[in-house]
């Protein structure tokens, strides 16, 4: 029986001379590293994100997510069953006070190939968007076009973005609440111009794990003075809502993320996905028919107190 090579990180032994408290922290950090490598590796395999011979352009903004993505991809590159290249790319948007020395120094110390692209999109965004209005849409479009061009120039076959699980859920809810669409942020897609494959290796990773990993690795975080300065963004509000849900109802956010991978078109309302007009009785039992609603289990504590469960059952 043959085994399929994995993308995971092997366990290592901790030295016996480390003090108990430090040893506990070290073990927790190691568990976090293993979890991050496992989740990123699983997403890469599930969606065939990286293939033999790929040159992956890793977009590094200076935020915790993109730092972590590059960090984990470098670890996986050393152990992966396939060979691929990584090149880190940063877009310097000429934001006032941007410390343009930090990323080149950090990337140089890592020894990873990198490219800094300098384009003054900051001035364009500030000139076009009125004060107080959301700048993300225009800023994102400008960045995207520049990154696609750079990918062509570098010969990159994949463009890796640092969006994580919580970003993807926020996008789903934003589209539902404000765009009237059941649309999320896919882990892999073809770019707007049809020339590139965009991947999101952090698709399975929780933001809280990335926050903790940034502390462990002491990444030199560079705050964004565009999106980072807009406190009333709907995305931030939805993000706060998700964090509050997770605090009150542990497991809810994980269930939502899993739901994105378990879509049943026949139980939605999109006529383009399911032929409701042509639907006819077949005489053949269907597991996804009406009875699919009969045995839906109610959540138990801590998501729902036992008394509330009993009350809901009595009311049914």
Protein backbone atom coordinates (compact mmCIF):
# COMPACT_ATOMS: atom_id res chain seq x y z
CA UNK A 1 0.00 0.00 0.00
CA UNK A 2 1.43 3.38 -0.99
CA UNK A 3 0.95 6.59 0.94
CA UNK A 4 0.33 10.00 -0.59
CA UNK A 5 2.93 12.63 0.36
CA UNK A 6 1.45 15.36 2.55
CA UNK A 7 2.13 19.06 3.03
CA UNK A 8 2.29 18.88 6.83
CA UNK A 9 5.10 19.78 9.22
CA UNK A 10 6.78 16.91 11.12
CA UNK A 11 6.83 16.97 14.91
CA UNK A 12 9.98 17.98 16.75
CA UNK A 13 11.12 17.19 20.27
CA UNK A 14 11.41 20.01 22.83
CA UNK A 15 14.61 20.14 24.89
CA UNK A 16 14.43 18.93 28.52
CA UNK A 17 16.31 21.97 29.84
CA UNK A 18 13.54 24.47 29.06
CA UNK A 19 11.66 25.79 32.18
CA UNK A 20 8.08 24.40 32.57
CA UNK A 21 6.27 27.67 31.74
CA UNK A 22 8.46 28.38 28.73
CA UNK A 23 8.13 24.75 27.66
CA UNK A 24 4.33 25.04 27.76
CA UNK A 25 4.43 28.20 25.61
CA UNK A 26 6.84 26.55 23.20
CA UNK A 27 4.56 23.53 22.88
CA UNK A 28 1.53 25.74 22.26
CA UNK A 29 3.44 27.69 19.63
CA UNK A 30 4.54 24.45 17.98
CA UNK A 31 0.95 23.16 17.97
CA UNK A 32 -0.14 26.42 16.34
CA UNK A 33 2.57 26.09 13.69
CA UNK A 34 1.51 22.52 12.94
CA UNK A 35 -2.14 23.59 12.71
CA UNK A 36 -1.35 26.43 10.33
CA UNK A 37 0.79 24.19 8.12
CA UNK A 38 -1.90 21.52 8.17
CA UNK A 39 -4.75 23.87 7.24
CA UNK A 40 -2.78 25.65 4.52
CA UNK A 41 -1.56 22.32 3.15
CA UNK A 42 -5.10 20.94 3.20
CA UNK A 43 -6.46 23.94 1.27
CA UNK A 44 -3.67 23.64 -1.31
CA UNK A 45 -4.44 19.97 -1.87
CA UNK A 46 -8.25 20.29 -1.78
CA UNK A 47 -8.28 23.00 -4.44
CA UNK A 48 -5.11 22.05 -6.33
CA UNK A 49 -3.75 25.52 -5.69
CA UNK A 50 -0.06 24.84 -6.33
CA UNK A 51 1.29 22.41 -8.92
CA UNK A 52 4.67 21.08 -9.97
CA UNK A 53 6.82 23.84 -11.45
CA UNK A 54 4.57 26.74 -10.39
CA UNK A 55 6.03 30.16 -9.74
CA UNK A 56 3.84 31.61 -7.00
CA UNK A 57 3.72 35.38 -6.59
CA UNK A 58 3.02 35.91 -2.88
CA UNK A 59 1.44 39.33 -2.35
CA UNK A 60 2.86 40.80 0.87
CA UNK A 61 1.24 43.99 2.15
CA UNK A 62 2.98 44.31 5.51
CA UNK A 63 -0.06 43.04 7.42
CA UNK A 64 -0.18 39.96 9.66
CA UNK A 65 -2.10 37.81 7.15
CA UNK A 66 0.27 38.17 4.20
CA UNK A 67 3.33 37.81 6.46
CA UNK A 68 1.89 34.57 7.85
CA UNK A 69 0.99 33.29 4.38
CA UNK A 70 4.55 33.79 3.14
CA UNK A 71 5.97 32.28 6.33
CA UNK A 72 3.86 29.12 6.10
CA UNK A 73 4.37 28.73 2.34
CA UNK A 74 8.13 28.85 2.88
CA UNK A 75 7.85 26.10 5.49
CA UNK A 76 5.69 23.97 3.19
CA UNK A 77 7.95 24.61 0.20
CA UNK A 78 10.81 22.92 2.07
CA UNK A 79 8.71 19.80 2.74
CA UNK A 80 6.24 19.65 -0.15
CA UNK A 81 6.12 16.59 -2.42
CA UNK A 82 6.42 18.91 -5.44
CA UNK A 83 8.84 21.64 -6.50
CA UNK A 84 7.64 25.23 -6.89
CA UNK A 85 9.07 28.74 -6.63
CA UNK A 86 7.98 31.61 -4.39
CA UNK A 87 8.53 35.28 -5.06
CA UNK A 88 7.26 37.90 -2.61
CA UNK A 89 5.78 41.07 -4.13
CA UNK A 90 4.87 44.26 -2.33
CA UNK A 91 3.04 47.20 -3.86
CA UNK A 92 4.31 50.44 -2.33
CA UNK A 93 1.32 52.76 -2.83
CA UNK A 94 3.23 55.83 -1.57
CA UNK A 95 1.11 56.28 1.50
CA UNK A 96 2.41 59.19 3.62
CA UNK A 97 4.82 57.96 6.26
CA UNK A 98 5.03 54.45 4.79
CA UNK A 99 8.27 52.88 6.10
CA UNK A 100 9.52 51.59 2.74
CA UNK A 101 12.68 50.09 4.27
CA UNK A 102 10.92 47.51 6.46
CA UNK A 103 9.78 44.97 3.86
CA UNK A 104 12.96 44.93 1.77
CA UNK A 105 15.00 44.40 4.94
CA UNK A 106 12.69 41.68 6.24
CA UNK A 107 12.46 39.83 2.93
CA UNK A 108 16.19 40.14 2.42
CA UNK A 109 16.81 38.53 5.81
CA UNK A 110 14.46 35.68 4.89
CA UNK A 111 16.45 35.06 1.75
CA UNK A 112 13.29 34.84 -0.36
CA UNK A 113 13.27 36.41 -3.86
CA UNK A 114 11.21 39.59 -3.80
CA UNK A 115 10.07 42.55 -5.88
CA UNK A 116 8.89 45.96 -4.66
CA UNK A 117 6.55 47.69 -7.10
CA UNK A 118 6.18 51.43 -6.50
CA UNK A 119 3.00 53.10 -7.78
CA UNK A 120 1.35 56.18 -6.28
CA UNK A 121 -2.20 54.84 -6.06
CA UNK A 122 -2.68 56.63 -2.73
CA UNK A 123 -2.88 60.05 -4.39
CA UNK A 124 -5.32 58.76 -7.00
CA UNK A 125 -7.65 57.26 -4.39
CA UNK A 126 -7.58 60.34 -2.17
CA UNK A 127 -8.22 62.59 -5.19
CA UNK A 128 -11.12 60.57 -6.62
CA UNK A 129 -12.91 59.42 -3.46
CA UNK A 130 -14.61 62.17 -1.38
CA UNK A 131 -13.57 62.45 2.27
CA UNK A 132 -15.54 60.07 4.46
CA UNK A 133 -16.44 57.70 1.62
CA UNK A 134 -15.21 54.11 1.38
CA UNK A 135 -11.94 53.89 -0.53
CA UNK A 136 -11.60 50.10 -0.69
CA UNK A 137 -13.30 49.48 -4.03
CA UNK A 138 -11.14 51.86 -6.12
CA UNK A 139 -7.98 51.00 -4.19
CA UNK A 140 -8.61 47.29 -4.75
CA UNK A 141 -9.18 47.75 -8.51
CA UNK A 142 -6.00 49.76 -8.92
CA UNK A 143 -3.96 47.26 -6.90
CA UNK A 144 -5.39 44.33 -8.82
CA UNK A 145 -4.48 45.75 -12.21
CA UNK A 146 -0.93 46.52 -11.11
CA UNK A 147 -0.43 43.07 -9.56
CA UNK A 148 -1.66 41.35 -12.73
CA UNK A 149 0.85 43.32 -14.77
CA UNK A 150 3.66 42.49 -12.35
CA UNK A 151 2.69 38.81 -12.43
CA UNK A 152 3.11 38.86 -16.21
CA UNK A 153 6.48 40.58 -15.96
CA UNK A 154 7.74 38.09 -13.37
CA UNK A 155 6.39 35.05 -15.18
CA UNK A 156 4.27 34.02 -12.21
CA UNK A 157 1.81 31.18 -12.77
CA UNK A 158 -0.18 31.75 -9.55
CA UNK A 159 -0.99 34.84 -7.50
CA UNK A 160 -1.38 34.13 -3.78
CA UNK A 161 -3.50 36.50 -1.67
CA UNK A 162 -3.65 36.49 2.13
CA UNK A 163 -7.42 36.34 2.68
CA UNK A 164 -8.33 33.93 5.48
CA UNK A 165 -11.46 32.03 6.54
CA UNK A 166 -12.97 34.98 8.38
CA UNK A 167 -12.44 37.28 5.38
CA UNK A 168 -14.33 34.79 3.24
CA UNK A 169 -17.26 34.65 5.66
CA UNK A 170 -17.34 38.43 5.94
CA UNK A 171 -17.58 38.64 2.14
CA UNK A 172 -20.44 36.13 2.12
CA UNK A 173 -22.42 38.12 4.69
CA UNK A 174 -21.64 41.48 3.07
CA UNK A 175 -22.93 40.23 -0.27
CA UNK A 176 -26.07 38.87 1.40
CA UNK A 177 -26.77 41.98 3.48
CA UNK A 178 -25.84 44.69 0.99
CA UNK A 179 -25.48 43.08 -2.44
CA UNK A 180 -28.50 40.73 -2.44
CA UNK A 181 -26.24 37.89 -3.63
CA UNK A 182 -25.29 34.54 -2.14
CA UNK A 183 -21.66 35.03 -3.13
CA UNK A 184 -18.45 34.53 -1.22
CA UNK A 185 -14.72 34.74 -1.80
CA UNK A 186 -13.50 31.57 -3.57
CA UNK A 187 -10.26 29.83 -2.57
CA UNK A 188 -9.18 29.72 -6.22
CA UNK A 189 -10.33 31.62 -9.28
CA UNK A 190 -9.31 32.95 -12.68
CA UNK A 191 -8.46 36.66 -12.65
CA UNK A 192 -10.71 39.33 -14.14
CA UNK A 193 -8.64 39.50 -17.30
CA UNK A 194 -8.59 35.72 -17.66
CA UNK A 195 -4.80 35.56 -17.64
CA UNK A 196 -4.00 34.49 -14.08
CA UNK A 197 -4.99 31.96 -11.42
CA UNK A 198 -5.50 33.58 -8.04
CA UNK A 199 -5.25 31.41 -4.92
CA UNK A 200 -6.01 31.94 -1.23
CA UNK A 201 -3.93 29.43 0.72
CA UNK A 202 -5.32 30.70 4.07
CA UNK A 203 -8.88 29.72 3.13
CA UNK A 204 -9.17 27.29 6.07
CA UNK A 205 -7.25 29.40 8.61
CA UNK A 206 -8.99 31.31 11.42
CA UNK A 207 -7.95 34.92 11.90
CA UNK A 208 -7.28 34.40 15.62
CA UNK A 209 -4.58 31.85 14.72
CA UNK A 210 -2.94 34.36 12.38
CA UNK A 211 -3.03 37.04 15.08
CA UNK A 212 -1.32 34.69 17.52
CA UNK A 213 1.24 33.56 14.91
CA UNK A 214 2.13 37.17 14.15
CA UNK A 215 2.94 37.64 17.83
CA UNK A 216 4.99 34.44 17.94
CA UNK A 217 7.00 35.35 14.85
CA UNK A 218 7.17 39.07 15.69
CA UNK A 219 6.38 40.18 12.16
CA UNK A 220 7.20 43.87 11.48
CA UNK A 221 3.59 44.91 10.90
CA UNK A 222 3.00 47.97 8.71
CA UNK A 223 -0.46 49.54 9.27
CA UNK A 224 -2.46 50.66 6.23
CA UNK A 225 -3.40 54.35 6.31
CA UNK A 226 -6.16 53.82 3.73
CA UNK A 227 -8.43 50.93 4.72
CA UNK A 228 -6.92 50.77 8.22
CA UNK A 229 -8.09 54.30 8.97
CA UNK A 230 -11.75 53.70 8.05
CA UNK A 231 -13.39 52.60 11.29
CA UNK A 232 -16.96 52.57 10.00
CA UNK A 233 -16.43 50.11 7.16
CA UNK A 234 -19.24 47.55 6.89
CA UNK A 235 -16.58 44.84 6.63
CA UNK A 236 -15.24 45.79 10.04
CA UNK A 237 -18.73 45.74 11.52
CA UNK A 238 -19.42 42.29 10.08
CA UNK A 239 -16.04 41.10 11.34
CA UNK A 240 -16.92 42.28 14.84
CA UNK A 241 -20.25 40.46 14.59
CA UNK A 242 -18.51 37.19 13.64
CA UNK A 243 -16.08 37.53 16.53
CA UNK A 244 -18.97 38.16 18.93
CA UNK A 245 -20.82 35.10 17.62
CA UNK A 246 -17.75 32.94 18.07
CA UNK A 247 -17.36 34.19 21.62
CA UNK A 248 -20.99 33.53 22.55
CA UNK A 249 -21.52 30.42 20.42
CA UNK A 250 -18.23 28.51 19.97
CA UNK A 251 -18.22 26.54 16.73
CA UNK A 252 -20.73 28.73 14.89
CA UNK A 253 -18.13 30.39 12.63
CA UNK A 254 -16.54 27.02 11.87
CA UNK A 255 -19.97 25.64 10.90
CA UNK A 256 -20.55 28.61 8.61
CA UNK A 257 -17.21 28.03 6.91
CA UNK A 258 -18.00 24.34 6.45
CA UNK A 259 -21.41 25.27 5.01
CA UNK A 260 -19.65 27.03 2.11
CA UNK A 261 -18.41 23.59 1.06
CA UNK A 262 -21.81 21.89 1.44
CA UNK A 263 -24.13 23.73 -0.91
CA UNK A 264 -27.46 22.15 -1.92
CA UNK A 265 -28.72 24.14 -4.97
CA UNK A 266 -32.10 22.38 -4.96
CA UNK A 267 -32.81 23.89 -1.55
CA UNK A 268 -32.05 27.47 -2.50
CA UNK A 269 -33.96 29.63 -4.99
CA UNK A 270 -31.58 30.20 -7.89
CA UNK A 271 -33.32 29.08 -11.11
CA UNK A 272 -29.99 29.22 -12.91
CA UNK A 273 -28.54 26.53 -10.66
CA UNK A 274 -31.57 24.28 -10.35
CA UNK A 275 -34.33 23.53 -12.86
CA UNK A 276 -37.34 24.39 -10.70
CA UNK A 277 -39.53 25.00 -13.76
CA UNK A 278 -38.88 21.53 -15.14
CA UNK A 279 -39.17 19.75 -11.79
CA UNK A 280 -41.56 16.77 -11.89
CA UNK A 281 -42.37 13.84 -9.66
CA UNK A 282 -40.23 10.81 -10.50
CA UNK A 283 -41.65 8.19 -8.16
CA UNK A 284 -38.09 7.61 -6.89
CA UNK A 285 -37.25 8.43 -3.25
CA UNK A 286 -34.88 11.38 -2.93
CA UNK A 287 -32.60 11.83 0.09
CA UNK A 288 -32.62 15.59 -0.52
CA UNK A 289 -36.40 15.82 -0.64
CA UNK A 290 -38.75 17.24 2.01
CA UNK A 291 -37.70 14.65 4.57
CA UNK A 292 -34.28 16.29 4.63
CA UNK A 293 -35.86 18.85 6.98
CA UNK A 294 -37.39 16.33 9.40
CA UNK A 295 -34.28 15.20 11.24
CA UNK A 296 -32.26 18.39 11.45
CA UNK A 297 -30.66 18.20 14.93
CA UNK A 298 -30.99 21.19 17.22
CA UNK A 299 -27.71 22.50 18.63
CA UNK A 300 -26.93 21.76 22.27
CA UNK A 301 -24.88 23.66 24.82
CA UNK A 302 -22.86 25.81 24.62
CA UNK A 303 -24.55 26.96 21.41
CA UNK A 304 -28.05 26.59 22.87
CA UNK A 305 -28.98 25.94 26.55
CA UNK A 306 -30.82 22.69 27.28
CA UNK A 307 -33.93 24.52 28.52
CA UNK A 308 -34.10 26.46 25.26
CA UNK A 309 -33.76 23.25 23.28
CA UNK A 310 -36.65 21.69 25.23
CA UNK A 311 -38.76 24.81 24.72
CA UNK A 312 -38.11 24.79 20.96
CA UNK A 313 -39.03 21.11 20.71
CA UNK A 314 -42.27 21.67 22.61
CA UNK A 315 -43.20 24.56 20.33
CA UNK A 316 -42.53 22.52 17.16
